[in-house]
Amino acid sequence: MTETWESIYTSPLPHRAELAKALLLEHDIPAVVINKQSSSYPSIGWGKSEVHVLAKDAVLAKVILENEATFS
């Protein structure tokens, strides 16, 4: 069975997405960062980075980020 992943955090700053991922991993929630920034114009920084978690972990992951993230 294929598991569904859900975007739970978006930032134009890739390092913030990585910090969110690290925080979730500390809570044993698998997370990945999807970089949607344009590779055509990386210096401009168009786009965003998204943190995705398994759909079954999405609610808990959002609560963790809302209550513990100090980088937003």
Protein backbone atom coordinates (compact mmCIF):
# COMPACT_ATOMS: atom_id res chain seq x y z
CA MET A 1 0.00 0.00 0.00
CA THR A 2 1.29 3.44 -0.93
CA GLU A 3 1.35 6.02 1.84
CA THR A 4 0.17 9.54 1.15
CA TRP A 5 2.42 12.49 1.97
CA GLU A 6 1.07 15.93 2.82
CA SER A 7 2.63 19.39 2.78
CA ILE A 8 2.45 20.87 6.27
CA TYR A 9 4.92 23.77 6.13
CA THR A 10 6.04 26.12 3.36
CA SER A 11 8.80 28.74 3.42
CA PRO A 12 10.61 30.82 0.82
CA LEU A 13 13.74 30.17 2.91
CA PRO A 14 15.12 26.64 2.44
CA HIS A 15 16.96 26.64 5.78
CA ARG A 16 13.68 27.17 7.66
CA ALA A 17 12.17 24.15 5.96
CA GLU A 18 15.24 22.13 6.98
CA LEU A 19 14.86 23.33 10.59
CA ALA A 20 11.20 22.27 10.56
CA LYS A 21 12.20 18.87 9.20
CA ALA A 22 14.84 18.44 11.91
CA LEU A 23 12.34 19.35 14.63
CA LEU A 24 9.87 16.78 13.33
CA LEU A 25 12.55 14.10 13.11
CA GLU A 26 13.38 14.76 16.79
CA HIS A 27 9.77 13.76 17.49
CA ASP A 28 10.12 10.60 15.37
CA ILE A 29 7.95 11.99 12.58
CA PRO A 30 9.41 11.15 9.16
CA ALA A 31 9.67 14.34 7.09
CA VAL A 32 11.15 15.40 3.77
CA VAL A 33 11.85 18.79 2.21
CA ILE A 34 10.70 19.39 -1.34
CA ASN A 35 12.54 22.29 -2.95
CA LYS A 36 10.28 24.04 -5.46
CA GLN A 37 12.63 26.92 -6.16
CA SER A 38 13.36 27.66 -9.78
CA SER A 39 16.67 26.22 -10.90
CA SER A 40 16.64 28.72 -13.79
CA TYR A 41 17.03 31.69 -11.44
CA PRO A 42 18.44 30.39 -8.12
CA SER A 43 19.92 33.77 -7.16
CA ILE A 44 16.49 35.39 -7.28
CA GLY A 45 15.06 32.73 -4.99
CA TRP A 46 11.71 32.34 -6.71
CA GLY A 47 9.71 29.49 -5.30
CA LYS A 48 9.53 27.82 -1.96
CA SER A 49 10.55 24.83 0.07
CA GLU A 50 7.87 22.56 1.48
CA VAL A 51 8.02 20.10 4.36
CA HIS A 52 6.01 16.94 3.73
CA VAL A 53 5.00 14.28 6.26
CA LEU A 54 2.87 11.18 6.04
CA ALA A 55 -0.81 12.14 6.04
CA LYS A 56 -1.36 10.14 9.24
CA ASP A 57 1.22 12.37 11.01
CA ALA A 58 0.09 15.71 9.55
CA VAL A 59 -2.06 16.96 12.44
CA LEU A 60 0.56 16.14 15.08
CA ALA A 61 3.33 17.62 12.93
CA LYS A 62 1.44 20.91 12.54
CA VAL A 63 0.85 21.10 16.30
CA ILE A 64 4.55 20.49 16.99
CA LEU A 65 5.61 23.20 14.56
CA GLU A 66 3.05 25.69 15.93
CA ASN A 67 4.08 25.06 19.55
CA GLU A 68 7.82 24.46 19.33
CA ALA A 69 9.20 26.16 16.21
CA THR A 70 11.11 29.33 17.04
CA PHE A 71 12.29 30.10 13.52
CA SER A 72 8.98 31.23 11.95
